Amino acid sequence: MAWFVGGFVLLRILGVVFIVLLIARIFAGAGSHHHGALGILSRRFAEGEITEEQFRKMRDVLESD
């Protein structure tokens, strides 16, 4: 019977940890869209896919939000 109580406590702790991690992931992902977009834009510029002028225009658009 003691193992049942211990298992229940462990299950509750795991549930709380899961909820905290889920909330942290949601809030961490909220502002990462622009950083990801700027990273992709920088990579495209570095690889020569776009010109400096195109890079600057696109960066200004992303940063204006």
PDB file of N, CA and C in Angstrom:
ATOM      1  N   MET A   1       0.819  -1.193   0.000  1.00  0.00           N
ATOM      2  CA  MET A   1       0.000   0.000   0.000  1.00  0.00           C
ATOM      3  C   MET A   1       0.867   1.263   0.000  1.00  0.00           C
ATOM      4  N   ALA A   2       2.032   1.215   0.666  1.00  0.00           N
ATOM      5  CA  ALA A   2       2.907   2.385   0.720  1.00  0.00           C
ATOM      6  C   ALA A   2       3.431   2.733  -0.672  1.00  0.00           C
ATOM      7  N   TRP A   3       3.688   1.733  -1.516  1.00  0.00           N
ATOM      8  CA  TRP A   3       4.173   2.007  -2.863  1.00  0.00           C
ATOM      9  C   TRP A   3       3.114   2.742  -3.678  1.00  0.00           C
ATOM     10  N   PHE A   4       1.842   2.491  -3.398  1.00  0.00           N
ATOM     11  CA  PHE A   4       0.750   3.151  -4.115  1.00  0.00           C
ATOM     12  C   PHE A   4       0.738   4.644  -3.779  1.00  0.00           C
ATOM     13  N   VAL A   5       0.898   4.972  -2.495  1.00  0.00           N
ATOM     14  CA  VAL A   5       0.918   6.373  -2.072  1.00  0.00           C
ATOM     15  C   VAL A   5       2.142   7.076  -2.659  1.00  0.00           C
ATOM     16  N   GLY A   6       3.296   6.407  -2.608  1.00  0.00           N
ATOM     17  CA  GLY A   6       4.508   6.980  -3.178  1.00  0.00           C
ATOM     18  C   GLY A   6       4.387   7.195  -4.671  1.00  0.00           C
ATOM     19  N   GLY A   7       3.762   6.248  -5.355  1.00  0.00           N
ATOM     20  CA  GLY A   7       3.548   6.388  -6.796  1.00  0.00           C
ATOM     21  C   GLY A   7       2.623   7.543  -7.120  1.00  0.00           C
ATOM     22  N   PHE A   8       1.603   7.733  -6.285  1.00  0.00           N
ATOM     23  CA  PHE A   8       0.665   8.830  -6.492  1.00  0.00           C
ATOM     24  C   PHE A   8       1.360  10.173  -6.309  1.00  0.00           C
ATOM     25  N   VAL A   9       2.211  10.274  -5.288  1.00  0.00           N
ATOM     26  CA  VAL A   9       2.958  11.518  -5.053  1.00  0.00           C
ATOM     27  C   VAL A   9       3.896  11.786  -6.227  1.00  0.00           C
ATOM     28  N   LEU A  10       4.572  10.775  -6.692  1.00  0.00           N
ATOM     29  CA  LEU A  10       5.475  10.930  -7.828  1.00  0.00           C
ATOM     30  C   LEU A  10       4.707  11.360  -9.073  1.00  0.00           C
ATOM     31  N   LEU A  11       3.552  10.801  -9.283  1.00  0.00           N
ATOM     32  CA  LEU A  11       2.721  11.165 -10.433  1.00  0.00           C
ATOM     33  C   LEU A  11       2.303  12.628 -10.354  1.00  0.00           C
ATOM     34  N   ARG A  12       1.942  13.102  -9.183  1.00  0.00           N
ATOM     35  CA  ARG A  12       1.563  14.507  -9.013  1.00  0.00           C
ATOM     36  C   ARG A  12       2.754  15.426  -9.278  1.00  0.00           C
ATOM     37  N   ILE A  13       3.929  15.054  -8.794  1.00  0.00           N
ATOM     38  CA  ILE A  13       5.125  15.868  -9.016  1.00  0.00           C
ATOM     39  C   ILE A  13       5.444  15.934 -10.505  1.00  0.00           C
ATOM     40  N   LEU A  14       5.378  14.810 -11.183  1.00  0.00           N
ATOM     41  CA  LEU A  14       5.635  14.792 -12.622  1.00  0.00           C
ATOM     42  C   LEU A  14       4.613  15.640 -13.374  1.00  0.00           C
ATOM     43  N   GLY A  15       3.377  15.614 -12.933  1.00  0.00           N
ATOM     44  CA  GLY A  15       2.345  16.431 -13.560  1.00  0.00           C
ATOM     45  C   GLY A  15       2.626  17.914 -13.420  1.00  0.00           C
ATOM     46  N   VAL A  16       3.040  18.328 -12.243  1.00  0.00           N
ATOM     47  CA  VAL A  16       3.367  19.739 -12.008  1.00  0.00           C
ATOM     48  C   VAL A  16       4.571  20.149 -12.845  1.00  0.00           C
ATOM     49  N   VAL A  17       5.589  19.308 -12.890  1.00  0.00           N
ATOM     50  CA  VAL A  17       6.780  19.601 -13.693  1.00  0.00           C
ATOM     51  C   VAL A  17       6.407  19.729 -15.165  1.00  0.00           C
ATOM     52  N   PHE A  18       5.558  18.843 -15.649  1.00  0.00           N
ATOM     53  CA  PHE A  18       5.125  18.891 -17.047  1.00  0.00           C
ATOM     54  C   PHE A  18       4.404  20.205 -17.349  1.00  0.00           C
ATOM     55  N   ILE A  19       3.513  20.624 -16.474  1.00  0.00           N
ATOM     56  CA  ILE A  19       2.762  21.867 -16.688  1.00  0.00           C
ATOM     57  C   ILE A  19       3.696  23.074 -16.671  1.00  0.00           C
ATOM     58  N   VAL A  20       4.641  23.107 -15.748  1.00  0.00           N
ATOM     59  CA  VAL A  20       5.592  24.213 -15.682  1.00  0.00           C
ATOM     60  C   VAL A  20       6.437  24.275 -16.951  1.00  0.00           C
ATOM     61  N   LEU A  21       6.922  23.139 -17.418  1.00  0.00           N
ATOM     62  CA  LEU A  21       7.723  23.118 -18.648  1.00  0.00           C
ATOM     63  C   LEU A  21       6.903  23.530 -19.857  1.00  0.00           C
ATOM     64  N   LEU A  22       5.650  23.117 -19.907  1.00  0.00           N
ATOM     65  CA  LEU A  22       4.773  23.490 -21.013  1.00  0.00           C
ATOM     66  C   LEU A  22       4.552  24.997 -21.038  1.00  0.00           C
ATOM     67  N   ILE A  23       4.282  25.584 -19.891  1.00  0.00           N
ATOM     68  CA  ILE A  23       4.079  27.035 -19.820  1.00  0.00           C
ATOM     69  C   ILE A  23       5.359  27.777 -20.196  1.00  0.00           C
ATOM     70  N   ALA A  24       6.499  27.315 -19.718  1.00  0.00           N
ATOM     71  CA  ALA A  24       7.779  27.951 -20.045  1.00  0.00           C
ATOM     72  C   ALA A  24       8.053  27.889 -21.541  1.00  0.00           C
ATOM     73  N   ARG A  25       7.732  26.774 -22.150  1.00  0.00           N
ATOM     74  CA  ARG A  25       7.956  26.631 -23.594  1.00  0.00           C
ATOM     75  C   ARG A  25       7.045  27.550 -24.393  1.00  0.00           C
ATOM     76  N   ILE A  26       5.810  27.702 -23.950  1.00  0.00           N
ATOM     77  CA  ILE A  26       4.871  28.582 -24.642  1.00  0.00           C
ATOM     78  C   ILE A  26       5.363  30.024 -24.592  1.00  0.00           C
ATOM     79  N   PHE A  27       5.774  30.485 -23.395  1.00  0.00           N
ATOM     80  CA  PHE A  27       6.232  31.863 -23.266  1.00  0.00           C
ATOM     81  C   PHE A  27       7.576  32.087 -23.948  1.00  0.00           C
ATOM     82  N   ALA A  28       8.430  31.110 -23.974  1.00  0.00           N
ATOM     83  CA  ALA A  28       9.732  31.252 -24.633  1.00  0.00           C
ATOM     84  C   ALA A  28       9.560  31.340 -26.135  1.00  0.00           C
ATOM     85  N   GLY A  29       8.597  30.650 -26.680  1.00  0.00           N
ATOM     86  CA  GLY A  29       8.369  30.653 -28.122  1.00  0.00           C
ATOM     87  C   GLY A  29       7.611  31.858 -28.622  1.00  0.00           C
ATOM     88  N   ALA A  30       7.039  32.652 -27.720  1.00  0.00           N
ATOM     89  CA  ALA A  30       6.202  33.774 -28.124  1.00  0.00           C
ATOM     90  C   ALA A  30       6.987  34.838 -28.890  1.00  0.00           C
ATOM     91  N   GLY A  31       8.205  35.143 -28.481  1.00  0.00           N
ATOM     92  CA  GLY A  31       8.970  36.198 -29.127  1.00  0.00           C
ATOM     93  C   GLY A  31      10.046  35.707 -30.064  1.00  0.00           C
ATOM     94  N   SER A  32      10.118  34.458 -30.312  1.00  0.00           N
ATOM     95  CA  SER A  32      11.225  33.925 -31.095  1.00  0.00           C
ATOM     96  C   SER A  32      10.999  33.985 -32.598  1.00  0.00           C
ATOM     97  N   HIS A  33       9.819  34.377 -33.044  1.00  0.00           N
ATOM     98  CA  HIS A  33       9.522  34.401 -34.479  1.00  0.00           C
ATOM     99  C   HIS A  33      10.451  35.357 -35.216  1.00  0.00           C
ATOM    100  N   HIS A  34      10.623  36.562 -34.684  1.00  0.00           N
ATOM    101  CA  HIS A  34      11.438  37.543 -35.378  1.00  0.00           C
ATOM    102  C   HIS A  34      12.913  37.174 -35.336  1.00  0.00           C
ATOM    103  N   HIS A  35      13.368  36.600 -34.236  1.00  0.00           N
ATOM    104  CA  HIS A  35      14.765  36.189 -34.164  1.00  0.00           C
ATOM    105  C   HIS A  35      15.029  35.087 -35.177  1.00  0.00           C
ATOM    106  N   GLY A  36      14.094  34.189 -35.343  1.00  0.00           N
ATOM    107  CA  GLY A  36      14.244  33.124 -36.327  1.00  0.00           C
ATOM    108  C   GLY A  36      14.247  33.671 -37.741  1.00  0.00           C
ATOM    109  N   ALA A  37      13.349  34.624 -37.993  1.00  0.00           N
ATOM    110  CA  ALA A  37      13.266  35.223 -39.322  1.00  0.00           C
ATOM    111  C   ALA A  37      14.531  36.013 -39.639  1.00  0.00           C
ATOM    112  N   LEU A  38      15.044  36.745 -38.661  1.00  0.00           N
ATOM    113  CA  LEU A  38      16.282  37.498 -38.891  1.00  0.00           C
ATOM    114  C   LEU A  38      17.460  36.563 -39.105  1.00  0.00           C
ATOM    115  N   GLY A  39      17.452  35.443 -38.419  1.00  0.00           N
ATOM    116  CA  GLY A  39      18.512  34.464 -38.608  1.00  0.00           C
ATOM    117  C   GLY A  39      18.504  33.883 -40.010  1.00  0.00           C
ATOM    118  N   ILE A  40      17.314  33.564 -40.483  1.00  0.00           N
ATOM    119  CA  ILE A  40      17.177  33.039 -41.849  1.00  0.00           C
ATOM    120  C   ILE A  40      17.601  34.093 -42.855  1.00  0.00           C
ATOM    121  N   LEU A  41      17.169  35.332 -42.618  1.00  0.00           N
ATOM    122  CA  LEU A  41      17.532  36.423 -43.523  1.00  0.00           C
ATOM    123  C   LEU A  41      19.045  36.624 -43.554  1.00  0.00           C
ATOM    124  N   SER A  42      19.677  36.590 -42.386  1.00  0.00           N
ATOM    125  CA  SER A  42      21.139  36.742 -42.320  1.00  0.00           C
ATOM    126  C   SER A  42      21.848  35.607 -43.048  1.00  0.00           C
ATOM    127  N   ARG A  43      21.327  34.397 -42.884  1.00  0.00           N
ATOM    128  CA  ARG A  43      21.929  33.256 -43.569  1.00  0.00           C
ATOM    129  C   ARG A  43      21.814  33.415 -45.086  1.00  0.00           C
ATOM    130  N   ARG A  44      20.646  33.850 -45.558  1.00  0.00           N
ATOM    131  CA  ARG A  44      20.450  34.032 -47.006  1.00  0.00           C
ATOM    132  C   ARG A  44      21.401  35.085 -47.549  1.00  0.00           C
ATOM    133  N   PHE A  45      21.603  36.161 -46.789  1.00  0.00           N
ATOM    134  CA  PHE A  45      22.531  37.204 -47.215  1.00  0.00           C
ATOM    135  C   PHE A  45      23.966  36.683 -47.232  1.00  0.00           C
ATOM    136  N   ALA A  46      24.330  35.948 -46.189  1.00  0.00           N
ATOM    137  CA  ALA A  46      25.688  35.409 -46.099  1.00  0.00           C
ATOM    138  C   ALA A  46      25.989  34.424 -47.218  1.00  0.00           C
ATOM    139  N   GLU A  47      24.979  33.687 -47.643  1.00  0.00           N
ATOM    140  CA  GLU A  47      25.181  32.708 -48.712  1.00  0.00           C
ATOM    141  C   GLU A  47      25.041  33.316 -50.106  1.00  0.00           C
ATOM    142  N   GLY A  48      24.756  34.612 -50.169  1.00  0.00           N
ATOM    143  CA  GLY A  48      24.678  35.291 -51.457  1.00  0.00           C
ATOM    144  C   GLY A  48      23.349  35.124 -52.184  1.00  0.00           C
ATOM    145  N   GLU A  49      22.333  34.662 -51.513  1.00  0.00           N
ATOM    146  CA  GLU A  49      21.029  34.482 -52.149  1.00  0.00           C
ATOM    147  C   GLU A  49      20.326  35.818 -52.393  1.00  0.00           C
ATOM    148  N   ILE A  50      20.605  36.807 -51.540  1.00  0.00           N
ATOM    149  CA  ILE A  50      19.998  38.123 -51.680  1.00  0.00           C
ATOM    150  C   ILE A  50      21.085  39.184 -51.608  1.00  0.00           C
ATOM    151  N   THR A  51      20.783  40.349 -52.174  1.00  0.00           N
ATOM    152  CA  THR A  51      21.748  41.448 -52.164  1.00  0.00           C
ATOM    153  C   THR A  51      21.680  42.193 -50.836  1.00  0.00           C
ATOM    154  N   GLU A  52      22.650  43.086 -50.647  1.00  0.00           N
ATOM    155  CA  GLU A  52      22.664  43.882 -49.418  1.00  0.00           C
ATOM    156  C   GLU A  52      21.425  44.772 -49.335  1.00  0.00           C
ATOM    157  N   GLU A  53      21.030  45.329 -50.467  1.00  0.00           N
ATOM    158  CA  GLU A  53      19.838  46.191 -50.483  1.00  0.00           C
ATOM    159  C   GLU A  53      18.585  45.398 -50.106  1.00  0.00           C
ATOM    160  N   GLN A  54      18.436  44.200 -50.657  1.00  0.00           N
ATOM    161  CA  GLN A  54      17.296  43.357 -50.310  1.00  0.00           C
ATOM    162  C   GLN A  54      17.333  42.988 -48.824  1.00  0.00           C
ATOM    163  N   PHE A  55      18.522  42.675 -48.337  1.00  0.00           N
ATOM    164  CA  PHE A  55      18.681  42.336 -46.924  1.00  0.00           C
ATOM    165  C   PHE A  55      18.231  43.481 -46.033  1.00  0.00           C
ATOM    166  N   ARG A  56      18.699  44.694 -46.334  1.00  0.00           N
ATOM    167  CA  ARG A  56      18.361  45.853 -45.499  1.00  0.00           C
ATOM    168  C   ARG A  56      16.853  46.131 -45.512  1.00  0.00           C
ATOM    169  N   LYS A  57      16.230  46.042 -46.692  1.00  0.00           N
ATOM    170  CA  LYS A  57      14.790  46.285 -46.793  1.00  0.00           C
ATOM    171  C   LYS A  57      13.999  45.242 -45.999  1.00  0.00           C
ATOM    172  N   MET A  58      14.367  43.989 -46.144  1.00  0.00           N
ATOM    173  CA  MET A  58      13.662  42.925 -45.438  1.00  0.00           C
ATOM    174  C   MET A  58      13.890  43.016 -43.926  1.00  0.00           C
ATOM    175  N   ARG A  59      15.099  43.354 -43.534  1.00  0.00           N
ATOM    176  CA  ARG A  59      15.397  43.502 -42.106  1.00  0.00           C
ATOM    177  C   ARG A  59      14.579  44.638 -41.496  1.00  0.00           C
ATOM    178  N   ASP A  60      14.464  45.752 -42.243  1.00  0.00           N
ATOM    179  CA  ASP A  60      13.680  46.885 -41.750  1.00  0.00           C
ATOM    180  C   ASP A  60      12.212  46.491 -41.569  1.00  0.00           C
ATOM    181  N   VAL A  61      11.695  45.709 -42.488  1.00  0.00           N
ATOM    182  CA  VAL A  61      10.317  45.254 -42.375  1.00  0.00           C
ATOM    183  C   VAL A  61      10.137  44.381 -41.139  1.00  0.00           C
ATOM    184  N   LEU A  62      11.056  43.456 -40.925  1.00  0.00           N
ATOM    185  CA  LEU A  62      10.963  42.564 -39.756  1.00  0.00           C
ATOM    186  C   LEU A  62      11.099  43.323 -38.441  1.00  0.00           C
ATOM    187  N   GLU A  63      11.978  44.309 -38.411  1.00  0.00           N
ATOM    188  CA  GLU A  63      12.207  45.045 -37.177  1.00  0.00           C
ATOM    189  C   GLU A  63      11.139  46.096 -36.903  1.00  0.00           C
ATOM    190  N   SER A  64      10.317  46.434 -37.890  1.00  0.00           N
ATOM    191  CA  SER A  64       9.292  47.463 -37.695  1.00  0.00           C
ATOM    192  C   SER A  64       8.107  46.954 -36.877  1.00  0.00           C
ATOM    193  N   ASP A  65       7.956  45.632 -36.753  1.00  0.00           N
ATOM    194  CA  ASP A  65       6.826  45.085 -36.003  1.00  0.00           C
ATOM    195  C   ASP A  65       6.995  45.258 -34.570  1.00  0.00           C
TER     196      ASP A  65
END
